[in-house]
Amino acid sequence: MSDKRLLIYCSASYTIDPKYNDAARQIVDAACSLGYTIVSGGTVKGTMGVIAEEVVKVGGRHVGVVPRFMEPLVYPEMTETIWTDTMSERKEKMRQGATACLALPGGVGTLDELMETLTLAKLDQYSGKVIAYNMDGFYEPLKDLLDHYVRTEMLDEKSRALITFPGTIEELVKELSC
């Protein structure tokens, strides 16, 4: 069994454009074919549920990390479910052993998870890849903000380089293949 773990941050919304869920399915298929265990928030909500269903469909391994207060929403067919008491503990447990953390287009929770992971990478507390899937330019405003931080010397270029923004699934898969 591979020890490659892809942590996927994503939307819990049911009302997003279906193209984001279609992309999530393609990414899960590719990651599982590359031997990754998928790690996610482990619920049935939104893209999290789509990811869980796709992992089952392709016969992959899926670890869900779920705070106890979300127990009614847990996806029932996880390979493994890890329970936490708080959202902060959830984020920490999700990152443990992650080879790469991938943020799909998502809301403020996804942004929180992505920025905390980037901060920890900057502080040498997380050693995996930090990736934001820039589908249809979704993360362009974040890229611009980080570049602004570099220009104003609030962020050094070495730290800025810790996060990548592949714009296509092919670019993303290439990055996961390295």
N, C-alpha and C. Protein backbone atom coordinates (compact mmCIF):
# COMPACT_ATOMS: atom_id res chain seq x y z
N MET A 1 0.84 -1.18 0.00
CA MET A 1 0.00 0.00 0.00
C MET A 1 0.89 1.25 0.00
N SER A 2 0.52 2.23 -0.79
CA SER A 2 1.28 3.47 -0.90
C SER A 2 1.08 4.32 0.34
N ASP A 3 2.09 5.11 0.67
CA ASP A 3 1.95 6.04 1.78
C ASP A 3 1.70 7.46 1.27
N LYS A 4 1.39 7.59 -0.02
CA LYS A 4 1.05 8.91 -0.57
C LYS A 4 -0.36 9.27 -0.15
N ARG A 5 -0.49 10.47 0.44
CA ARG A 5 -1.79 10.94 0.91
C ARG A 5 -2.08 12.31 0.32
N LEU A 6 -3.21 12.40 -0.36
CA LEU A 6 -3.66 13.68 -0.91
C LEU A 6 -4.82 14.18 -0.08
N LEU A 7 -4.58 15.28 0.62
CA LEU A 7 -5.62 15.94 1.39
C LEU A 7 -6.33 16.92 0.46
N ILE A 8 -7.63 16.78 0.37
CA ILE A 8 -8.41 17.66 -0.51
C ILE A 8 -9.32 18.54 0.32
N TYR A 9 -9.11 19.85 0.22
CA TYR A 9 -10.01 20.84 0.80
C TYR A 9 -11.01 21.21 -0.30
N CYS A 10 -12.29 21.33 0.06
CA CYS A 10 -13.28 21.61 -0.97
C CYS A 10 -14.55 22.19 -0.38
N SER A 11 -15.47 22.49 -1.25
CA SER A 11 -16.75 23.09 -0.87
C SER A 11 -17.69 22.07 -0.24
N ALA A 12 -18.46 22.54 0.73
CA ALA A 12 -19.51 21.73 1.33
C ALA A 12 -20.88 22.17 0.82
N SER A 13 -20.88 23.02 -0.19
CA SER A 13 -22.13 23.57 -0.71
C SER A 13 -22.77 22.63 -1.73
N TYR A 14 -24.09 22.59 -1.70
CA TYR A 14 -24.84 21.82 -2.68
C TYR A 14 -25.21 22.66 -3.90
N THR A 15 -24.98 23.97 -3.84
CA THR A 15 -25.49 24.85 -4.89
C THR A 15 -24.41 25.39 -5.83
N ILE A 16 -23.18 24.87 -5.76
CA ILE A 16 -22.13 25.37 -6.64
C ILE A 16 -22.34 24.84 -8.06
N ASP A 17 -21.65 25.47 -9.00
CA ASP A 17 -21.70 25.04 -10.39
C ASP A 17 -21.23 23.58 -10.48
N PRO A 18 -21.97 22.72 -11.15
CA PRO A 18 -21.60 21.30 -11.26
C PRO A 18 -20.21 21.07 -11.86
N LYS A 19 -19.67 22.03 -12.58
CA LYS A 19 -18.35 21.83 -13.18
C LYS A 19 -17.28 21.60 -12.12
N TYR A 20 -17.46 22.17 -10.92
CA TYR A 20 -16.49 21.98 -9.84
C TYR A 20 -16.52 20.53 -9.33
N ASN A 21 -17.70 19.96 -9.25
CA ASN A 21 -17.82 18.57 -8.82
C ASN A 21 -17.31 17.62 -9.90
N ASP A 22 -17.54 17.96 -11.16
CA ASP A 22 -17.00 17.15 -12.26
C ASP A 22 -15.48 17.12 -12.20
N ALA A 23 -14.88 18.28 -11.95
CA ALA A 23 -13.42 18.36 -11.84
C ALA A 23 -12.94 17.55 -10.64
N ALA A 24 -13.66 17.61 -9.53
CA ALA A 24 -13.28 16.84 -8.34
C ALA A 24 -13.25 15.35 -8.65
N ARG A 25 -14.24 14.89 -9.40
CA ARG A 25 -14.28 13.47 -9.78
C ARG A 25 -13.04 13.10 -10.61
N GLN A 26 -12.70 13.93 -11.58
CA GLN A 26 -11.54 13.65 -12.42
C GLN A 26 -10.25 13.63 -11.60
N ILE A 27 -10.15 14.55 -10.66
CA ILE A 27 -8.95 14.63 -9.82
C ILE A 27 -8.85 13.40 -8.92
N VAL A 28 -9.95 12.99 -8.33
CA VAL A 28 -9.94 11.79 -7.49
C VAL A 28 -9.55 10.57 -8.32
N ASP A 29 -10.12 10.44 -9.52
CA ASP A 29 -9.77 9.31 -10.39
C ASP A 29 -8.27 9.29 -10.65
N ALA A 30 -7.72 10.44 -11.02
CA ALA A 30 -6.29 10.52 -11.33
C ALA A 30 -5.44 10.24 -10.10
N ALA A 31 -5.79 10.84 -8.97
CA ALA A 31 -5.00 10.66 -7.75
C ALA A 31 -5.02 9.19 -7.30
N CYS A 32 -6.18 8.57 -7.35
CA CYS A 32 -6.27 7.16 -6.96
C CYS A 32 -5.45 6.29 -7.92
N SER A 33 -5.46 6.62 -9.20
CA SER A 33 -4.68 5.82 -10.16
C SER A 33 -3.18 6.02 -9.93
N LEU A 34 -2.79 7.13 -9.31
CA LEU A 34 -1.39 7.38 -8.96
C LEU A 34 -1.03 6.77 -7.61
N GLY A 35 -1.98 6.11 -6.96
CA GLY A 35 -1.70 5.43 -5.71
C GLY A 35 -1.90 6.27 -4.46
N TYR A 36 -2.57 7.40 -4.58
CA TYR A 36 -2.83 8.24 -3.41
C TYR A 36 -4.00 7.71 -2.59
N THR A 37 -3.89 7.79 -1.28
CA THR A 37 -5.02 7.71 -0.38
C THR A 37 -5.60 9.12 -0.33
N ILE A 38 -6.90 9.23 -0.43
CA ILE A 38 -7.56 10.53 -0.37
C ILE A 38 -7.95 10.81 1.09
N VAL A 39 -7.66 12.02 1.54
CA VAL A 39 -8.05 12.47 2.87
C VAL A 39 -8.97 13.67 2.66
N SER A 40 -10.10 13.67 3.37
CA SER A 40 -11.02 14.80 3.24
C SER A 40 -11.76 15.02 4.55
N GLY A 41 -12.68 15.98 4.49
CA GLY A 41 -13.50 16.28 5.65
C GLY A 41 -14.51 15.21 5.99
N GLY A 42 -14.73 14.26 5.09
CA GLY A 42 -15.46 13.05 5.40
C GLY A 42 -16.97 13.13 5.54
N THR A 43 -17.58 14.18 5.03
CA THR A 43 -19.04 14.24 5.14
C THR A 43 -19.69 14.05 3.78
N VAL A 44 -21.01 13.98 3.79
CA VAL A 44 -21.80 13.81 2.58
C VAL A 44 -22.08 15.13 1.89
N LYS A 45 -21.69 16.24 2.50
CA LYS A 45 -22.06 17.57 2.01
C LYS A 45 -21.26 18.00 0.79
N GLY A 46 -21.95 18.51 -0.20
CA GLY A 46 -21.34 19.16 -1.35
C GLY A 46 -20.26 18.33 -2.02
N THR A 47 -19.16 18.99 -2.34
CA THR A 47 -18.05 18.33 -3.03
C THR A 47 -17.41 17.26 -2.16
N MET A 48 -17.46 17.41 -0.84
CA MET A 48 -16.94 16.35 0.03
C MET A 48 -17.65 15.03 -0.25
N GLY A 49 -18.96 15.08 -0.39
CA GLY A 49 -19.73 13.88 -0.70
C GLY A 49 -19.41 13.34 -2.08
N VAL A 50 -19.22 14.23 -3.04
CA VAL A 50 -18.86 13.82 -4.41
C VAL A 50 -17.52 13.09 -4.39
N ILE A 51 -16.57 13.64 -3.65
CA ILE A 51 -15.24 13.01 -3.55
C ILE A 51 -15.37 11.62 -2.93
N ALA A 52 -16.13 11.52 -1.84
CA ALA A 52 -16.31 10.23 -1.17
C ALA A 52 -16.93 9.20 -2.10
N GLU A 53 -17.96 9.61 -2.82
CA GLU A 53 -18.61 8.69 -3.76
C GLU A 53 -17.65 8.22 -4.85
N GLU A 54 -16.83 9.15 -5.35
CA GLU A 54 -15.90 8.81 -6.43
C GLU A 54 -14.80 7.87 -5.95
N VAL A 55 -14.32 8.07 -4.73
CA VAL A 55 -13.29 7.17 -4.20
C VAL A 55 -13.86 5.75 -4.12
N VAL A 56 -15.09 5.63 -3.64
CA VAL A 56 -15.73 4.31 -3.56
C VAL A 56 -15.86 3.73 -4.98
N LYS A 57 -16.31 4.54 -5.91
CA LYS A 57 -16.54 4.09 -7.29
C LYS A 57 -15.26 3.52 -7.92
N VAL A 58 -14.12 4.18 -7.68
CA VAL A 58 -12.86 3.74 -8.30
C VAL A 58 -12.10 2.75 -7.43
N GLY A 59 -12.64 2.41 -6.26
CA GLY A 59 -11.99 1.43 -5.39
C GLY A 59 -10.77 1.95 -4.66
N GLY A 60 -10.75 3.26 -4.41
CA GLY A 60 -9.62 3.86 -3.71
C GLY A 60 -9.76 3.79 -2.20
N ARG A 61 -8.77 4.33 -1.56
CA ARG A 61 -8.74 4.39 -0.09
C ARG A 61 -9.07 5.83 0.31
N HIS A 62 -9.96 5.99 1.30
CA HIS A 62 -10.43 7.32 1.69
C HIS A 62 -10.50 7.43 3.21
N VAL A 63 -9.77 8.42 3.73
CA VAL A 63 -9.78 8.72 5.15
C VAL A 63 -10.57 10.01 5.35
N GLY A 64 -11.60 9.94 6.16
CA GLY A 64 -12.39 11.12 6.49
C GLY A 64 -12.08 11.55 7.91
N VAL A 65 -11.88 12.86 8.08
CA VAL A 65 -11.62 13.40 9.41
C VAL A 65 -12.81 14.29 9.77
N VAL A 66 -13.53 13.87 10.81
CA VAL A 66 -14.83 14.48 11.08
C VAL A 66 -14.94 14.90 12.55
N PRO A 67 -15.31 16.17 12.79
CA PRO A 67 -15.59 16.56 14.17
C PRO A 67 -16.88 15.88 14.65
N ARG A 68 -16.91 15.53 15.91
CA ARG A 68 -18.04 14.78 16.47
C ARG A 68 -19.39 15.48 16.25
N PHE A 69 -19.38 16.82 16.24
CA PHE A 69 -20.66 17.51 16.06
C PHE A 69 -21.22 17.33 14.64
N MET A 70 -20.40 16.82 13.73
CA MET A 70 -20.86 16.56 12.36
C MET A 70 -21.20 15.08 12.13
N GLU A 71 -21.27 14.31 13.19
CA GLU A 71 -21.51 12.87 13.06
C GLU A 71 -22.71 12.53 12.17
N PRO A 72 -23.83 13.26 12.24
CA PRO A 72 -24.95 12.91 11.37
C PRO A 72 -24.64 13.07 9.87
N LEU A 73 -23.57 13.79 9.54
CA LEU A 73 -23.25 14.05 8.14
C LEU A 73 -22.13 13.16 7.60
N VAL A 74 -21.58 12.27 8.42
CA VAL A 74 -20.43 11.48 8.00
C VAL A 74 -20.80 10.59 6.81
N TYR A 75 -19.87 10.50 5.86
CA TYR A 75 -20.08 9.61 4.72
C TYR A 75 -19.93 8.17 5.23
N PRO A 76 -20.89 7.29 4.96
CA PRO A 76 -20.90 5.97 5.60
C PRO A 76 -19.86 4.97 5.07
N GLU A 77 -19.29 5.21 3.90
CA GLU A 77 -18.40 4.20 3.31
C GLU A 77 -16.93 4.60 3.31
N MET A 78 -16.50 5.33 4.32
CA MET A 78 -15.09 5.68 4.44
C MET A 78 -14.26 4.43 4.67
N THR A 79 -13.04 4.42 4.15
CA THR A 79 -12.11 3.35 4.49
C THR A 79 -11.76 3.48 5.97
N GLU A 80 -11.60 4.72 6.40
CA GLU A 80 -11.28 5.01 7.80
C GLU A 80 -11.89 6.35 8.16
N THR A 81 -12.46 6.44 9.34
CA THR A 81 -12.97 7.71 9.85
C THR A 81 -12.21 8.04 11.12
N ILE A 82 -11.69 9.25 11.16
CA ILE A 82 -10.98 9.76 12.34
C ILE A 82 -11.87 10.83 12.96
N TRP A 83 -12.18 10.68 14.23
CA TRP A 83 -13.06 11.62 14.93
C TRP A 83 -12.23 12.66 15.67
N THR A 84 -12.70 13.90 15.66
CA THR A 84 -12.05 14.97 16.41
C THR A 84 -13.11 15.69 17.24
N ASP A 85 -12.63 16.52 18.17
CA ASP A 85 -13.55 17.29 18.99
C ASP A 85 -13.77 18.70 18.45
N THR A 86 -12.80 19.23 17.71
CA THR A 86 -12.91 20.61 17.23
C THR A 86 -12.50 20.70 15.76
N MET A 87 -12.85 21.80 15.14
CA MET A 87 -12.44 22.06 13.76
C MET A 87 -10.92 22.23 13.69
N SER A 88 -10.32 22.87 14.69
CA SER A 88 -8.87 23.05 14.70
C SER A 88 -8.15 21.71 14.76
N GLU A 89 -8.64 20.81 15.60
CA GLU A 89 -8.06 19.48 15.68
C GLU A 89 -8.26 18.74 14.36
N ARG A 90 -9.41 18.95 13.74
CA ARG A 90 -9.69 18.32 12.44
C ARG A 90 -8.64 18.72 11.42
N LYS A 91 -8.36 20.02 11.31
CA LYS A 91 -7.38 20.50 10.33
C LYS A 91 -6.01 19.88 10.59
N GLU A 92 -5.64 19.80 11.84
CA GLU A 92 -4.33 19.23 12.19
C GLU A 92 -4.27 17.75 11.82
N LYS A 93 -5.30 17.00 12.16
CA LYS A 93 -5.33 15.56 11.86
C LYS A 93 -5.37 15.31 10.36
N MET A 94 -6.08 16.16 9.62
CA MET A 94 -6.16 15.99 8.17
C MET A 94 -4.78 16.12 7.52
N ARG A 95 -3.99 17.06 8.02
CA ARG A 95 -2.67 17.32 7.43
C ARG A 95 -1.63 16.26 7.78
N GLN A 96 -1.83 15.53 8.87
CA GLN A 96 -0.82 14.56 9.32
C GLN A 96 -0.52 13.55 8.22
N GLY A 97 0.73 13.51 7.81
CA GLY A 97 1.17 12.56 6.81
C GLY A 97 0.79 12.90 5.39
N ALA A 98 0.17 14.06 5.17
CA ALA A 98 -0.24 14.43 3.82
C ALA A 98 0.99 14.72 2.95
N THR A 99 1.03 14.08 1.81
CA THR A 99 2.06 14.32 0.81
C THR A 99 1.79 15.64 0.11
N ALA A 100 0.49 15.93 -0.09
CA ALA A 100 0.08 17.17 -0.74
C ALA A 100 -1.27 17.59 -0.18
N CYS A 101 -1.45 18.90 -0.04
CA CYS A 101 -2.73 19.48 0.33
C CYS A 101 -3.23 20.25 -0.88
N LEU A 102 -4.39 19.89 -1.35
CA LEU A 102 -4.98 20.48 -2.54
C LEU A 102 -6.27 21.19 -2.19
N ALA A 103 -6.34 22.47 -2.50
CA ALA A 103 -7.59 23.21 -2.33
C ALA A 103 -8.29 23.29 -3.67
N LEU A 104 -9.46 22.69 -3.75
CA LEU A 104 -10.32 22.89 -4.91
C LEU A 104 -11.05 24.21 -4.70
N PRO A 105 -11.68 24.76 -5.73
CA PRO A 105 -12.49 25.95 -5.49
C PRO A 105 -13.47 25.70 -4.35
N GLY A 106 -13.50 26.61 -3.41
CA GLY A 106 -14.35 26.44 -2.24
C GLY A 106 -14.60 27.76 -1.55
N GLY A 107 -15.24 27.70 -0.43
CA GLY A 107 -15.62 28.90 0.32
C GLY A 107 -14.61 29.28 1.37
N VAL A 108 -15.07 29.99 2.39
CA VAL A 108 -14.15 30.52 3.40
C VAL A 108 -13.50 29.42 4.23
N GLY A 109 -14.19 28.29 4.42
CA GLY A 109 -13.57 27.18 5.14
C GLY A 109 -12.38 26.63 4.37
N THR A 110 -12.55 26.49 3.07
CA THR A 110 -11.46 26.02 2.21
C THR A 110 -10.30 27.01 2.24
N LEU A 111 -10.62 28.29 2.16
CA LEU A 111 -9.59 29.33 2.20
C LEU A 111 -8.83 29.29 3.53
N ASP A 112 -9.56 29.11 4.63
CA ASP A 112 -8.94 29.00 5.95
C ASP A 112 -7.97 27.83 5.99
N GLU A 113 -8.42 26.68 5.52
CA GLU A 113 -7.57 25.49 5.53
C GLU A 113 -6.32 25.68 4.67
N LEU A 114 -6.51 26.26 3.50
CA LEU A 114 -5.40 26.49 2.58
C LEU A 114 -4.38 27.46 3.17
N MET A 115 -4.85 28.56 3.74
CA MET A 115 -3.93 29.56 4.28
C MET A 115 -3.21 29.05 5.52
N GLU A 116 -3.90 28.29 6.35
CA GLU A 116 -3.22 27.70 7.52
C GLU A 116 -2.13 26.73 7.06
N THR A 117 -2.42 25.95 6.04
CA THR A 117 -1.43 25.00 5.53
C THR A 117 -0.24 25.74 4.94
N LEU A 118 -0.48 26.80 4.19
CA LEU A 118 0.62 27.60 3.63
C LEU A 118 1.45 28.21 4.75
N THR A 119 0.81 28.72 5.77
CA THR A 119 1.52 29.30 6.91
C THR A 119 2.39 28.25 7.60
N LEU A 120 1.85 27.06 7.79
CA LEU A 120 2.63 25.99 8.42
C LEU A 120 3.80 25.55 7.53
N ALA A 121 3.60 25.54 6.22
CA ALA A 121 4.71 25.22 5.31
C ALA A 121 5.81 26.28 5.43
N LYS A 122 5.40 27.54 5.50
CA LYS A 122 6.36 28.65 5.67
C LYS A 122 7.16 28.49 6.96
N LEU A 123 6.51 27.98 8.00
CA LEU A 123 7.15 27.81 9.30
C LEU A 123 7.83 26.45 9.46
N ASP A 124 7.94 25.70 8.36
CA ASP A 124 8.54 24.36 8.37
C ASP A 124 7.80 23.38 9.29
N GLN A 125 6.50 23.56 9.42
CA GLN A 125 5.68 22.66 10.22
C GLN A 125 4.83 21.74 9.36
N TYR A 126 4.90 21.92 8.05
CA TYR A 126 4.25 21.04 7.08
C TYR A 126 5.19 20.95 5.90
N SER A 127 5.51 19.71 5.48
CA SER A 127 6.54 19.54 4.45
C SER A 127 6.01 19.10 3.09
N GLY A 128 4.71 18.89 2.97
CA GLY A 128 4.15 18.46 1.70
C GLY A 128 3.90 19.63 0.76
N LYS A 129 3.34 19.30 -0.38
CA LYS A 129 3.01 20.32 -1.38
C LYS A 129 1.75 21.07 -0.95
N VAL A 130 1.69 22.35 -1.33
CA VAL A 130 0.50 23.17 -1.11
C VAL A 130 0.03 23.61 -2.49
N ILE A 131 -1.18 23.18 -2.85
CA ILE A 131 -1.68 23.39 -4.21
C ILE A 131 -3.09 23.97 -4.15
N ALA A 132 -3.32 24.99 -4.97
CA ALA A 132 -4.67 25.54 -5.14
C ALA A 132 -5.04 25.34 -6.61
N TYR A 133 -6.06 24.53 -6.86
CA TYR A 133 -6.47 24.26 -8.23
C TYR A 133 -7.18 25.50 -8.78
N ASN A 134 -6.51 26.17 -9.69
CA ASN A 134 -6.96 27.46 -10.22
C ASN A 134 -7.89 27.29 -11.42
N MET A 135 -8.87 26.44 -11.26
CA MET A 135 -9.83 26.15 -12.33
C MET A 135 -10.55 27.42 -12.77
N ASP A 136 -10.49 27.70 -14.06
CA ASP A 136 -11.15 28.88 -14.63
C ASP A 136 -10.75 30.17 -13.92
N GLY A 137 -9.52 30.21 -13.39
CA GLY A 137 -9.02 31.42 -12.73
C GLY A 137 -9.59 31.66 -11.35
N PHE A 138 -10.19 30.64 -10.74
CA PHE A 138 -10.85 30.82 -9.44
C PHE A 138 -9.92 31.45 -8.41
N TYR A 139 -8.65 31.05 -8.39
CA TYR A 139 -7.73 31.54 -7.36
C TYR A 139 -6.86 32.71 -7.83
N GLU A 140 -7.19 33.33 -8.96
CA GLU A 140 -6.42 34.50 -9.41
C GLU A 140 -6.38 35.63 -8.37
N PRO A 141 -7.50 35.95 -7.72
CA PRO A 141 -7.43 37.00 -6.69
C PRO A 141 -6.47 36.66 -5.55
N LEU A 142 -6.40 35.39 -5.17
CA LEU A 142 -5.47 34.99 -4.11
C LEU A 142 -4.03 35.09 -4.62
N LYS A 143 -3.78 34.65 -5.83
CA LYS A 143 -2.44 34.79 -6.42
C LYS A 143 -2.02 36.26 -6.42
N ASP A 144 -2.93 37.13 -6.84
CA ASP A 144 -2.64 38.57 -6.87
C ASP A 144 -2.34 39.10 -5.47
N LEU A 145 -3.10 38.65 -4.48
CA LEU A 145 -2.87 39.10 -3.11
C LEU A 145 -1.50 38.64 -2.61
N LEU A 146 -1.15 37.38 -2.85
CA LEU A 146 0.15 36.89 -2.42
C LEU A 146 1.28 37.63 -3.13
N ASP A 147 1.10 37.93 -4.40
CA ASP A 147 2.11 38.70 -5.14
C ASP A 147 2.21 40.12 -4.58
N HIS A 148 1.09 40.68 -4.17
CA HIS A 148 1.08 42.00 -3.52
C HIS A 148 1.87 41.93 -2.21
N TYR A 149 1.69 40.87 -1.45
CA TYR A 149 2.45 40.69 -0.21
C TYR A 149 3.95 40.66 -0.49
N VAL A 150 4.33 40.00 -1.56
CA VAL A 150 5.76 39.95 -1.93
C VAL A 150 6.25 41.35 -2.29
N ARG A 151 5.47 42.07 -3.13
CA ARG A 151 5.88 43.43 -3.55
C ARG A 151 6.03 44.37 -2.35
N THR A 152 5.20 44.18 -1.34
CA THR A 152 5.25 45.07 -0.16
C THR A 152 6.14 44.49 0.94
N GLU A 153 6.80 43.38 0.64
CA GLU A 153 7.73 42.71 1.56
C GLU A 153 7.07 42.18 2.82
N MET A 154 5.77 41.88 2.72
CA MET A 154 5.07 41.22 3.81
C MET A 154 5.25 39.70 3.72
N LEU A 155 5.72 39.24 2.56
CA LEU A 155 5.96 37.83 2.31
C LEU A 155 7.20 37.74 1.42
N ASP A 156 8.09 36.82 1.76
CA ASP A 156 9.28 36.67 0.93
C ASP A 156 8.97 35.75 -0.26
N GLU A 157 9.77 35.87 -1.30
CA GLU A 157 9.53 35.10 -2.52
C GLU A 157 9.65 33.59 -2.29
N LYS A 158 10.54 33.18 -1.40
CA LYS A 158 10.70 31.76 -1.10
C LYS A 158 9.40 31.20 -0.52
N SER A 159 8.78 31.95 0.38
CA SER A 159 7.52 31.50 0.97
C SER A 159 6.39 31.53 -0.06
N ARG A 160 6.39 32.53 -0.93
CA ARG A 160 5.37 32.63 -1.98
C ARG A 160 5.44 31.41 -2.90
N ALA A 161 6.65 30.91 -3.12
CA ALA A 161 6.85 29.77 -4.02
C ALA A 161 6.38 28.45 -3.41
N LEU A 162 5.98 28.45 -2.15
CA LEU A 162 5.52 27.22 -1.50
C LEU A 162 4.15 26.78 -1.99
N ILE A 163 3.40 27.68 -2.62
CA ILE A 163 2.07 27.34 -3.11
C ILE A 163 2.06 27.44 -4.63
N THR A 164 1.45 26.43 -5.25
CA THR A 164 1.34 26.44 -6.70
C THR A 164 -0.13 26.51 -7.09
N PHE A 165 -0.37 26.98 -8.32
CA PHE A 165 -1.72 27.22 -8.80
C PHE A 165 -1.94 26.60 -10.19
N PRO A 166 -1.91 25.28 -10.31
CA PRO A 166 -2.16 24.68 -11.62
C PRO A 166 -3.55 25.05 -12.12
N GLY A 167 -3.64 25.33 -13.41
CA GLY A 167 -4.91 25.79 -13.97
C GLY A 167 -5.70 24.72 -14.71
N THR A 168 -5.06 23.57 -14.94
CA THR A 168 -5.75 22.47 -15.62
C THR A 168 -5.55 21.18 -14.83
N ILE A 169 -6.41 20.24 -15.09
CA ILE A 169 -6.26 18.94 -14.42
C ILE A 169 -4.96 18.29 -14.85
N GLU A 170 -4.58 18.47 -16.12
CA GLU A 170 -3.32 17.89 -16.61
C GLU A 170 -2.14 18.46 -15.84
N GLU A 171 -2.11 19.76 -15.62
CA GLU A 171 -1.03 20.39 -14.85
C GLU A 171 -1.02 19.88 -13.41
N LEU A 172 -2.19 19.74 -12.84
CA LEU A 172 -2.33 19.25 -11.47
C LEU A 172 -1.82 17.80 -11.36
N VAL A 173 -2.24 16.96 -12.28
CA VAL A 173 -1.80 15.56 -12.26
C VAL A 173 -0.29 15.47 -12.44
N LYS A 174 0.25 16.30 -13.30
CA LYS A 174 1.71 16.32 -13.48
C LYS A 174 2.40 16.67 -12.15
N GLU A 175 1.87 17.64 -11.45
CA GLU A 175 2.44 18.02 -10.16
C GLU A 175 2.33 16.90 -9.12
N LEU A 176 1.21 16.19 -9.13
CA LEU A 176 1.03 15.08 -8.19
C LEU A 176 1.90 13.88 -8.57
N SER A 177 2.31 13.81 -9.82
CA SER A 177 3.14 12.69 -10.29
C SER A 177 4.59 12.85 -9.90
N CYS A 178 5.01 14.05 -9.54
CA CYS A 178 6.41 14.30 -9.19
C CYS A 178 6.72 13.87 -7.77
